[in-house]
Amino acid sequence: MRFPGGEVPSTVGWILERLKKIELQWERVFSGGQFRSDSGGTNTVGPIQAHTHADNTQGGGALQPADLRLAPAAELTIASGAVTLSQSHHTIDTEGDAALDFLETVAGLVANQLYFLRPASPARTVVFSHAVDNILCIGNADIALQDAQDFVWAWSPDGAVLYIQGVESQTFLGT
């Protein structure tokens, strides 16, 4: 499975760069293709463009850093190797509170959505199974969430496939 354009991402960096491009496209969509106005809103000063943000005078003097705010985590429990996402932030628990469970299928995906997933309990291990169904783990190996601080970033480019990126401290299991 490859991304549009044929490339295969190798890091979260690729996903973040893609999100920056999408952000510019959304800005154009929500502006209706209109030109930007000056801080007073009266004079058209040109098309949408990038700012250097070298000082606080650009953007009307009220610059805010980009912020990714997630809703509080909703807990999901694996059932027969699957979960259904309902938002972008979830904790995932094993079926029947088993010590170890394998997640093979994720439903409820939305195209171009970024997800933050973490274990519900440090006493139980959740393993994202690479390429069993619709989960593809960066590194081509299963990813285990074994501790309370473990998490994955996940992204669905099409609402059907979920690409999972673990963090450096996690266990990557051979396939």
N, C-alpha and C. Protein backbone atom coordinates (compact mmCIF):
# COMPACT_ATOMS: atom_id res chain seq x y z
N MET A 1 0.85 -1.18 0.00
CA MET A 1 0.00 0.00 0.00
C MET A 1 0.89 1.23 0.00
N ARG A 2 0.58 2.17 -0.86
CA ARG A 2 1.36 3.39 -0.96
C ARG A 2 0.43 4.59 -0.84
N PHE A 3 1.01 5.71 -0.42
CA PHE A 3 0.29 6.97 -0.36
C PHE A 3 0.07 7.50 -1.76
N PRO A 4 -0.86 8.44 -1.92
CA PRO A 4 -0.99 9.12 -3.21
C PRO A 4 0.36 9.71 -3.61
N GLY A 5 0.75 9.51 -4.83
CA GLY A 5 2.04 9.99 -5.29
C GLY A 5 3.08 8.89 -5.25
N GLY A 6 2.78 7.76 -4.60
CA GLY A 6 3.66 6.61 -4.62
C GLY A 6 4.64 6.51 -3.48
N GLU A 7 4.83 7.58 -2.70
CA GLU A 7 5.83 7.53 -1.65
C GLU A 7 5.28 6.83 -0.41
N VAL A 8 6.16 6.27 0.37
CA VAL A 8 5.80 5.64 1.63
C VAL A 8 6.41 6.48 2.74
N PRO A 9 5.62 6.99 3.69
CA PRO A 9 6.17 7.83 4.74
C PRO A 9 7.03 7.02 5.68
N SER A 10 8.07 7.66 6.23
CA SER A 10 8.95 6.95 7.14
C SER A 10 8.97 7.57 8.52
N THR A 11 8.37 8.74 8.70
CA THR A 11 8.39 9.38 10.01
C THR A 11 7.15 10.21 10.22
N VAL A 12 6.95 10.61 11.46
CA VAL A 12 5.87 11.53 11.79
C VAL A 12 6.11 12.86 11.09
N GLY A 13 7.37 13.19 10.84
CA GLY A 13 7.70 14.43 10.15
C GLY A 13 6.98 14.56 8.82
N TRP A 14 6.88 13.44 8.08
CA TRP A 14 6.19 13.46 6.80
C TRP A 14 4.73 13.82 7.01
N ILE A 15 4.12 13.25 8.04
CA ILE A 15 2.72 13.52 8.32
C ILE A 15 2.53 14.98 8.69
N LEU A 16 3.42 15.52 9.53
CA LEU A 16 3.30 16.92 9.93
C LEU A 16 3.48 17.86 8.75
N GLU A 17 4.41 17.56 7.85
CA GLU A 17 4.58 18.38 6.64
C GLU A 17 3.32 18.34 5.79
N ARG A 18 2.69 17.18 5.69
CA ARG A 18 1.46 17.05 4.92
C ARG A 18 0.34 17.88 5.56
N LEU A 19 0.28 17.88 6.90
CA LEU A 19 -0.73 18.67 7.60
C LEU A 19 -0.55 20.16 7.34
N LYS A 20 0.71 20.63 7.24
CA LYS A 20 0.96 22.04 6.93
C LYS A 20 0.39 22.40 5.57
N LYS A 21 0.56 21.50 4.60
CA LYS A 21 0.03 21.76 3.26
C LYS A 21 -1.50 21.77 3.27
N ILE A 22 -2.09 20.85 4.03
CA ILE A 22 -3.54 20.78 4.12
C ILE A 22 -4.08 22.05 4.78
N GLU A 23 -3.38 22.56 5.80
CA GLU A 23 -3.82 23.77 6.49
C GLU A 23 -3.95 24.94 5.52
N LEU A 24 -2.98 25.09 4.61
CA LEU A 24 -3.05 26.18 3.63
C LEU A 24 -4.24 25.98 2.70
N GLN A 25 -4.53 24.72 2.32
CA GLN A 25 -5.67 24.47 1.45
C GLN A 25 -6.97 24.81 2.15
N TRP A 26 -7.09 24.46 3.44
CA TRP A 26 -8.30 24.77 4.19
C TRP A 26 -8.48 26.27 4.35
N GLU A 27 -7.37 26.99 4.54
CA GLU A 27 -7.47 28.43 4.67
C GLU A 27 -8.09 29.03 3.41
N ARG A 28 -7.70 28.51 2.26
CA ARG A 28 -8.27 29.01 1.00
C ARG A 28 -9.75 28.64 0.90
N VAL A 29 -10.11 27.42 1.33
CA VAL A 29 -11.50 26.99 1.26
C VAL A 29 -12.38 27.88 2.12
N PHE A 30 -11.96 28.13 3.37
CA PHE A 30 -12.78 28.90 4.29
C PHE A 30 -12.80 30.39 3.96
N SER A 31 -11.83 30.86 3.20
CA SER A 31 -11.86 32.27 2.81
C SER A 31 -12.67 32.48 1.53
N GLY A 32 -13.13 31.36 0.94
CA GLY A 32 -13.89 31.46 -0.30
C GLY A 32 -13.05 31.97 -1.45
N GLY A 33 -11.72 31.79 -1.33
CA GLY A 33 -10.82 32.26 -2.38
C GLY A 33 -10.63 33.77 -2.37
N GLN A 34 -11.13 34.43 -1.33
CA GLN A 34 -11.04 35.88 -1.25
C GLN A 34 -9.64 36.33 -0.87
N PHE A 35 -9.38 37.60 -1.09
CA PHE A 35 -8.11 38.19 -0.72
C PHE A 35 -8.13 38.56 0.75
N ARG A 36 -6.95 38.65 1.33
CA ARG A 36 -6.85 39.10 2.72
C ARG A 36 -7.03 40.61 2.77
N SER A 37 -7.45 41.10 3.92
CA SER A 37 -7.59 42.53 4.15
C SER A 37 -6.56 42.98 5.16
N ASP A 38 -6.35 44.28 5.21
CA ASP A 38 -5.43 44.81 6.23
C ASP A 38 -6.06 44.65 7.61
N SER A 39 -5.33 45.02 8.66
CA SER A 39 -5.81 44.80 10.02
C SER A 39 -7.11 45.55 10.30
N GLY A 40 -7.38 46.61 9.59
CA GLY A 40 -8.64 47.33 9.78
C GLY A 40 -9.78 46.70 9.01
N GLY A 41 -9.46 45.80 8.09
CA GLY A 41 -10.48 45.10 7.33
C GLY A 41 -11.06 45.88 6.18
N THR A 42 -10.42 47.00 5.81
CA THR A 42 -11.01 47.85 4.78
C THR A 42 -10.31 47.74 3.43
N ASN A 43 -9.03 47.54 3.42
CA ASN A 43 -8.28 47.54 2.18
C ASN A 43 -7.77 46.14 1.84
N THR A 44 -7.97 45.75 0.58
CA THR A 44 -7.45 44.47 0.14
C THR A 44 -5.95 44.61 -0.06
N VAL A 45 -5.20 43.71 0.55
CA VAL A 45 -3.74 43.82 0.47
C VAL A 45 -3.11 42.69 -0.33
N GLY A 46 -3.88 41.79 -0.89
CA GLY A 46 -3.31 40.74 -1.73
C GLY A 46 -3.85 39.37 -1.41
N PRO A 47 -3.43 38.40 -2.20
CA PRO A 47 -3.91 37.04 -2.01
C PRO A 47 -3.34 36.43 -0.72
N ILE A 48 -3.91 35.32 -0.30
CA ILE A 48 -3.43 34.61 0.86
C ILE A 48 -1.95 34.28 0.65
N GLN A 49 -1.15 34.58 1.64
CA GLN A 49 0.28 34.36 1.50
C GLN A 49 0.90 34.01 2.84
N ALA A 50 2.08 33.44 2.79
CA ALA A 50 2.79 33.06 4.01
C ALA A 50 3.39 34.31 4.65
N HIS A 51 3.44 34.33 5.97
CA HIS A 51 4.05 35.42 6.71
C HIS A 51 5.29 34.88 7.41
N THR A 52 6.27 35.73 7.61
CA THR A 52 7.46 35.30 8.33
C THR A 52 7.26 35.32 9.82
N HIS A 53 6.31 36.11 10.30
CA HIS A 53 6.04 36.27 11.73
C HIS A 53 7.31 36.66 12.48
N ALA A 54 8.08 37.55 11.86
CA ALA A 54 9.33 38.01 12.46
C ALA A 54 9.07 38.91 13.66
N ASP A 55 7.90 39.51 13.73
CA ASP A 55 7.57 40.34 14.89
C ASP A 55 6.06 40.26 15.11
N ASN A 56 5.56 40.97 16.11
CA ASN A 56 4.14 40.84 16.43
C ASN A 56 3.25 41.81 15.66
N THR A 57 3.78 42.47 14.62
CA THR A 57 2.95 43.37 13.84
C THR A 57 2.25 42.65 12.71
N GLN A 58 2.75 41.50 12.31
CA GLN A 58 2.09 40.75 11.24
C GLN A 58 0.91 40.01 11.83
N GLY A 59 -0.15 39.87 11.06
CA GLY A 59 -1.33 39.17 11.52
C GLY A 59 -2.16 39.98 12.48
N GLY A 60 -2.03 41.31 12.46
CA GLY A 60 -2.85 42.15 13.30
C GLY A 60 -2.35 42.27 14.73
N GLY A 61 -1.13 41.83 15.01
CA GLY A 61 -0.55 41.96 16.33
C GLY A 61 -1.05 40.94 17.34
N ALA A 62 -1.88 40.00 16.92
CA ALA A 62 -2.42 39.00 17.84
C ALA A 62 -2.04 37.61 17.36
N LEU A 63 -0.77 37.35 17.24
CA LEU A 63 -0.33 36.06 16.74
C LEU A 63 -0.49 34.98 17.79
N GLN A 64 -0.95 33.82 17.35
CA GLN A 64 -1.08 32.67 18.24
C GLN A 64 -0.34 31.51 17.59
N PRO A 65 0.39 30.73 18.39
CA PRO A 65 1.06 29.57 17.82
C PRO A 65 0.04 28.53 17.38
N ALA A 66 0.42 27.72 16.42
CA ALA A 66 -0.45 26.63 16.00
C ALA A 66 -0.68 25.73 17.21
N ASP A 67 -1.89 25.27 17.37
CA ASP A 67 -2.24 24.50 18.55
C ASP A 67 -3.11 23.32 18.15
N LEU A 68 -2.72 22.15 18.56
CA LEU A 68 -3.49 20.94 18.31
C LEU A 68 -4.17 20.57 19.62
N ARG A 69 -5.46 20.84 19.71
CA ARG A 69 -6.20 20.54 20.93
C ARG A 69 -7.07 19.32 20.69
N LEU A 70 -6.93 18.35 21.57
CA LEU A 70 -7.69 17.12 21.45
C LEU A 70 -8.78 17.08 22.51
N ALA A 71 -9.87 16.46 22.17
CA ALA A 71 -10.92 16.23 23.16
C ALA A 71 -10.39 15.27 24.21
N PRO A 72 -10.99 15.25 25.40
CA PRO A 72 -10.58 14.24 26.38
C PRO A 72 -10.72 12.84 25.78
N ALA A 73 -9.83 11.95 26.16
CA ALA A 73 -9.81 10.60 25.59
C ALA A 73 -11.09 9.85 25.92
N ALA A 74 -11.60 9.14 24.93
CA ALA A 74 -12.73 8.23 25.11
C ALA A 74 -12.14 6.81 25.06
N GLU A 75 -12.53 5.97 26.00
CA GLU A 75 -11.97 4.61 26.04
C GLU A 75 -12.68 3.69 25.07
N LEU A 76 -11.88 2.91 24.36
CA LEU A 76 -12.38 1.86 23.47
C LEU A 76 -11.84 0.53 23.98
N THR A 77 -12.62 -0.53 23.81
CA THR A 77 -12.17 -1.87 24.18
C THR A 77 -12.12 -2.73 22.93
N ILE A 78 -11.02 -3.42 22.75
CA ILE A 78 -10.87 -4.30 21.59
C ILE A 78 -11.90 -5.42 21.68
N ALA A 79 -12.60 -5.67 20.58
CA ALA A 79 -13.56 -6.77 20.48
C ALA A 79 -13.25 -7.54 19.21
N SER A 80 -12.82 -8.78 19.37
CA SER A 80 -12.47 -9.63 18.22
C SER A 80 -11.43 -8.95 17.33
N GLY A 81 -10.47 -8.28 17.94
CA GLY A 81 -9.38 -7.66 17.20
C GLY A 81 -9.69 -6.32 16.57
N ALA A 82 -10.83 -5.72 16.94
CA ALA A 82 -11.23 -4.48 16.27
C ALA A 82 -11.74 -3.43 17.27
N VAL A 83 -11.62 -2.16 16.86
CA VAL A 83 -12.24 -1.04 17.57
C VAL A 83 -12.86 -0.12 16.51
N THR A 84 -13.78 0.73 16.96
CA THR A 84 -14.37 1.74 16.09
C THR A 84 -14.12 3.10 16.71
N LEU A 85 -13.35 3.93 16.02
CA LEU A 85 -13.02 5.27 16.51
C LEU A 85 -14.23 6.18 16.38
N SER A 86 -14.37 7.08 17.37
CA SER A 86 -15.47 8.04 17.31
C SER A 86 -14.97 9.48 17.42
N GLN A 87 -13.67 9.65 17.68
CA GLN A 87 -13.05 10.97 17.76
C GLN A 87 -11.56 10.80 17.54
N SER A 88 -10.78 11.86 17.71
CA SER A 88 -9.36 11.79 17.40
C SER A 88 -8.48 11.36 18.57
N HIS A 89 -9.02 11.25 19.79
CA HIS A 89 -8.21 10.89 20.96
C HIS A 89 -8.89 9.76 21.72
N HIS A 90 -8.20 8.62 21.81
CA HIS A 90 -8.78 7.45 22.48
C HIS A 90 -7.73 6.75 23.34
N THR A 91 -8.22 6.12 24.42
CA THR A 91 -7.43 5.11 25.10
C THR A 91 -8.00 3.77 24.63
N ILE A 92 -7.14 2.77 24.55
CA ILE A 92 -7.56 1.46 24.05
C ILE A 92 -7.26 0.42 25.10
N ASP A 93 -8.27 -0.41 25.41
CA ASP A 93 -8.11 -1.47 26.40
C ASP A 93 -8.25 -2.83 25.73
N THR A 94 -7.71 -3.83 26.39
CA THR A 94 -7.76 -5.19 25.87
C THR A 94 -9.12 -5.81 26.12
N GLU A 95 -9.47 -6.78 25.30
CA GLU A 95 -10.74 -7.48 25.45
C GLU A 95 -10.72 -8.31 26.73
N GLY A 96 -11.73 -8.13 27.57
CA GLY A 96 -11.82 -8.88 28.82
C GLY A 96 -10.68 -8.59 29.79
N ASP A 97 -10.04 -7.43 29.66
CA ASP A 97 -8.90 -7.04 30.49
C ASP A 97 -7.76 -8.07 30.43
N ALA A 98 -7.60 -8.70 29.27
CA ALA A 98 -6.50 -9.66 29.07
C ALA A 98 -5.17 -8.92 29.17
N ALA A 99 -4.12 -9.63 29.55
CA ALA A 99 -2.80 -9.03 29.69
C ALA A 99 -2.26 -8.53 28.35
N LEU A 100 -2.67 -9.16 27.26
CA LEU A 100 -2.18 -8.84 25.92
C LEU A 100 -3.31 -9.01 24.92
N ASP A 101 -3.43 -8.06 24.00
CA ASP A 101 -4.44 -8.18 22.94
C ASP A 101 -3.90 -7.52 21.68
N PHE A 102 -4.32 -8.05 20.54
CA PHE A 102 -3.86 -7.58 19.23
C PHE A 102 -4.98 -6.82 18.53
N LEU A 103 -4.68 -5.60 18.11
CA LEU A 103 -5.62 -4.78 17.36
C LEU A 103 -5.28 -4.92 15.88
N GLU A 104 -6.23 -5.46 15.11
CA GLU A 104 -6.00 -5.73 13.69
C GLU A 104 -6.82 -4.84 12.76
N THR A 105 -7.96 -4.36 13.25
CA THR A 105 -8.88 -3.60 12.42
C THR A 105 -9.35 -2.35 13.17
N VAL A 106 -9.32 -1.21 12.48
CA VAL A 106 -9.85 0.03 13.04
C VAL A 106 -10.92 0.54 12.10
N ALA A 107 -12.13 0.69 12.63
CA ALA A 107 -13.26 1.22 11.85
C ALA A 107 -13.53 2.66 12.31
N GLY A 108 -14.42 3.33 11.61
CA GLY A 108 -14.80 4.70 11.98
C GLY A 108 -13.78 5.74 11.55
N LEU A 109 -12.92 5.39 10.61
CA LEU A 109 -11.88 6.32 10.17
C LEU A 109 -12.47 7.43 9.30
N VAL A 110 -11.83 8.59 9.37
CA VAL A 110 -12.21 9.74 8.55
C VAL A 110 -10.99 10.10 7.70
N ALA A 111 -11.20 10.35 6.42
CA ALA A 111 -10.10 10.70 5.52
C ALA A 111 -9.39 11.96 6.01
N ASN A 112 -8.06 11.95 5.93
CA ASN A 112 -7.20 13.07 6.31
C ASN A 112 -7.33 13.45 7.78
N GLN A 113 -7.59 12.48 8.63
CA GLN A 113 -7.73 12.71 10.07
C GLN A 113 -6.51 12.17 10.80
N LEU A 114 -6.02 12.94 11.77
CA LEU A 114 -4.92 12.54 12.64
C LEU A 114 -5.50 12.04 13.95
N TYR A 115 -4.98 10.92 14.46
CA TYR A 115 -5.48 10.32 15.70
C TYR A 115 -4.34 10.17 16.71
N PHE A 116 -4.69 10.32 17.99
CA PHE A 116 -3.76 10.11 19.09
C PHE A 116 -4.32 8.97 19.93
N LEU A 117 -3.59 7.85 19.98
CA LEU A 117 -4.08 6.65 20.65
C LEU A 117 -3.09 6.20 21.71
N ARG A 118 -3.60 5.79 22.87
CA ARG A 118 -2.73 5.34 23.96
C ARG A 118 -3.42 4.22 24.73
N PRO A 119 -2.65 3.48 25.54
CA PRO A 119 -3.25 2.36 26.26
C PRO A 119 -4.14 2.85 27.41
N ALA A 120 -5.19 2.09 27.72
CA ALA A 120 -6.08 2.45 28.82
C ALA A 120 -5.46 2.09 30.16
N SER A 121 -4.58 1.08 30.17
CA SER A 121 -3.99 0.62 31.43
C SER A 121 -2.54 0.21 31.21
N PRO A 122 -1.64 0.60 32.12
CA PRO A 122 -0.25 0.16 31.99
C PRO A 122 -0.08 -1.32 32.36
N ALA A 123 -1.12 -1.93 32.90
CA ALA A 123 -1.06 -3.34 33.26
C ALA A 123 -1.37 -4.26 32.08
N ARG A 124 -1.82 -3.68 30.96
CA ARG A 124 -2.20 -4.49 29.80
C ARG A 124 -1.51 -3.95 28.54
N THR A 125 -1.14 -4.85 27.65
CA THR A 125 -0.42 -4.48 26.42
C THR A 125 -1.34 -4.56 25.22
N VAL A 126 -1.40 -3.45 24.48
CA VAL A 126 -2.15 -3.39 23.22
C VAL A 126 -1.13 -3.41 22.09
N VAL A 127 -1.30 -4.34 21.14
CA VAL A 127 -0.39 -4.46 20.01
C VAL A 127 -1.14 -4.09 18.73
N PHE A 128 -0.61 -3.10 18.00
CA PHE A 128 -1.14 -2.75 16.69
C PHE A 128 -0.51 -3.73 15.70
N SER A 129 -1.34 -4.57 15.08
CA SER A 129 -0.85 -5.61 14.17
C SER A 129 -0.68 -5.05 12.76
N HIS A 130 0.55 -5.05 12.30
CA HIS A 130 0.88 -4.50 10.98
C HIS A 130 0.35 -5.38 9.85
N ALA A 131 -0.40 -4.77 8.94
CA ALA A 131 -0.82 -5.38 7.67
C ALA A 131 -1.68 -6.64 7.81
N VAL A 132 -2.34 -6.83 8.95
CA VAL A 132 -3.28 -7.95 9.07
C VAL A 132 -4.59 -7.57 8.40
N ASP A 133 -5.06 -6.35 8.69
CA ASP A 133 -6.25 -5.83 8.01
C ASP A 133 -5.95 -4.43 7.50
N ASN A 134 -6.48 -3.38 8.15
CA ASN A 134 -6.30 -2.03 7.61
C ASN A 134 -5.31 -1.18 8.39
N ILE A 135 -4.47 -1.79 9.23
CA ILE A 135 -3.45 -1.06 9.98
C ILE A 135 -2.09 -1.29 9.33
N LEU A 136 -1.41 -0.20 9.00
CA LEU A 136 -0.05 -0.29 8.47
C LEU A 136 0.85 0.51 9.40
N CYS A 137 1.81 -0.18 10.01
CA CYS A 137 2.72 0.45 10.96
C CYS A 137 3.98 0.91 10.24
N ILE A 138 4.38 2.15 10.50
CA ILE A 138 5.62 2.66 9.94
C ILE A 138 6.75 1.81 10.52
N GLY A 139 7.61 1.29 9.66
CA GLY A 139 8.65 0.37 10.08
C GLY A 139 8.31 -1.08 9.75
N ASN A 140 7.09 -1.31 9.23
CA ASN A 140 6.65 -2.63 8.80
C ASN A 140 6.73 -3.69 9.90
N ALA A 141 6.44 -3.30 11.13
CA ALA A 141 6.44 -4.24 12.25
C ALA A 141 5.33 -3.85 13.22
N ASP A 142 4.81 -4.84 13.94
CA ASP A 142 3.80 -4.57 14.96
C ASP A 142 4.35 -3.58 15.99
N ILE A 143 3.46 -2.80 16.57
CA ILE A 143 3.85 -1.82 17.60
C ILE A 143 3.07 -2.13 18.87
N ALA A 144 3.80 -2.30 19.97
CA ALA A 144 3.18 -2.63 21.26
C ALA A 144 3.15 -1.41 22.17
N LEU A 145 1.99 -1.15 22.75
CA LEU A 145 1.85 -0.12 23.78
C LEU A 145 1.84 -0.86 25.11
N GLN A 146 2.95 -0.72 25.86
CA GLN A 146 3.13 -1.52 27.06
C GLN A 146 3.14 -0.72 28.35
N ASP A 147 3.27 0.58 28.27
CA ASP A 147 3.39 1.43 29.45
C ASP A 147 2.40 2.58 29.37
N ALA A 148 2.17 3.22 30.51
CA ALA A 148 1.22 4.34 30.56
C ALA A 148 1.65 5.50 29.67
N GLN A 149 2.96 5.69 29.49
CA GLN A 149 3.44 6.81 28.67
C GLN A 149 3.55 6.47 27.18
N ASP A 150 3.28 5.24 26.79
CA ASP A 150 3.33 4.88 25.37
C ASP A 150 2.13 5.46 24.64
N PHE A 151 2.33 5.79 23.38
CA PHE A 151 1.24 6.27 22.54
C PHE A 151 1.65 6.12 21.09
N VAL A 152 0.68 6.27 20.20
CA VAL A 152 0.96 6.31 18.76
C VAL A 152 0.20 7.48 18.17
N TRP A 153 0.77 8.03 17.11
CA TRP A 153 0.07 8.94 16.23
C TRP A 153 -0.38 8.10 15.05
N ALA A 154 -1.58 8.34 14.59
CA ALA A 154 -2.11 7.58 13.47
C ALA A 154 -2.77 8.55 12.49
N TRP A 155 -2.73 8.18 11.23
CA TRP A 155 -3.29 9.04 10.20
C TRP A 155 -3.95 8.18 9.14
N SER A 156 -5.14 8.60 8.73
CA SER A 156 -5.85 7.91 7.66
C SER A 156 -5.94 8.85 6.46
N PRO A 157 -5.28 8.51 5.35
CA PRO A 157 -5.35 9.39 4.19
C PRO A 157 -6.67 9.27 3.43
N ASP A 158 -7.37 8.14 3.62
CA ASP A 158 -8.54 7.87 2.79
C ASP A 158 -9.77 7.39 3.55
N GLY A 159 -9.69 7.27 4.86
CA GLY A 159 -10.81 6.77 5.65
C GLY A 159 -10.92 5.26 5.64
N ALA A 160 -9.98 4.58 5.00
CA ALA A 160 -10.01 3.11 4.93
C ALA A 160 -8.78 2.48 5.57
N VAL A 161 -7.62 3.11 5.40
CA VAL A 161 -6.35 2.58 5.91
C VAL A 161 -5.85 3.50 7.02
N LEU A 162 -5.22 2.92 8.04
CA LEU A 162 -4.67 3.70 9.14
C LEU A 162 -3.17 3.45 9.24
N TYR A 163 -2.39 4.53 9.07
CA TYR A 163 -0.94 4.45 9.21
C TYR A 163 -0.59 4.80 10.65
N ILE A 164 0.20 3.95 11.29
CA ILE A 164 0.55 4.10 12.70
C ILE A 164 2.02 4.43 12.83
N GLN A 165 2.33 5.46 13.62
CA GLN A 165 3.72 5.83 13.93
C GLN A 165 3.90 5.73 15.43
N GLY A 166 4.75 4.81 15.87
CA GLY A 166 5.06 4.67 17.29
C GLY A 166 6.14 5.66 17.68
N VAL A 167 6.45 5.72 18.96
CA VAL A 167 7.52 6.57 19.43
C VAL A 167 8.76 5.74 19.72
N GLU A 168 9.90 6.39 19.82
CA GLU A 168 11.18 5.71 19.91
C GLU A 168 11.29 4.73 21.07
N SER A 169 10.65 4.99 22.19
CA SER A 169 10.80 4.13 23.37
C SER A 169 9.96 2.88 23.30
N GLN A 170 9.08 2.75 22.30
CA GLN A 170 8.19 1.61 22.24
C GLN A 170 8.85 0.37 21.64
N THR A 171 8.20 -0.75 21.85
CA THR A 171 8.67 -2.01 21.31
C THR A 171 8.09 -2.23 19.93
N PHE A 172 8.96 -2.44 18.96
CA PHE A 172 8.54 -2.76 17.61
C PHE A 172 8.78 -4.25 17.42
N LEU A 173 7.71 -4.97 17.18
CA LEU A 173 7.79 -6.42 17.08
C LEU A 173 7.98 -6.83 15.64
N GLY A 174 8.86 -7.79 15.39
CA GLY A 174 9.09 -8.29 14.02
C GLY A 174 7.84 -8.91 13.45
N THR A 175 7.71 -8.82 12.13
CA THR A 175 6.52 -9.40 11.49
C THR A 175 6.84 -10.76 10.92
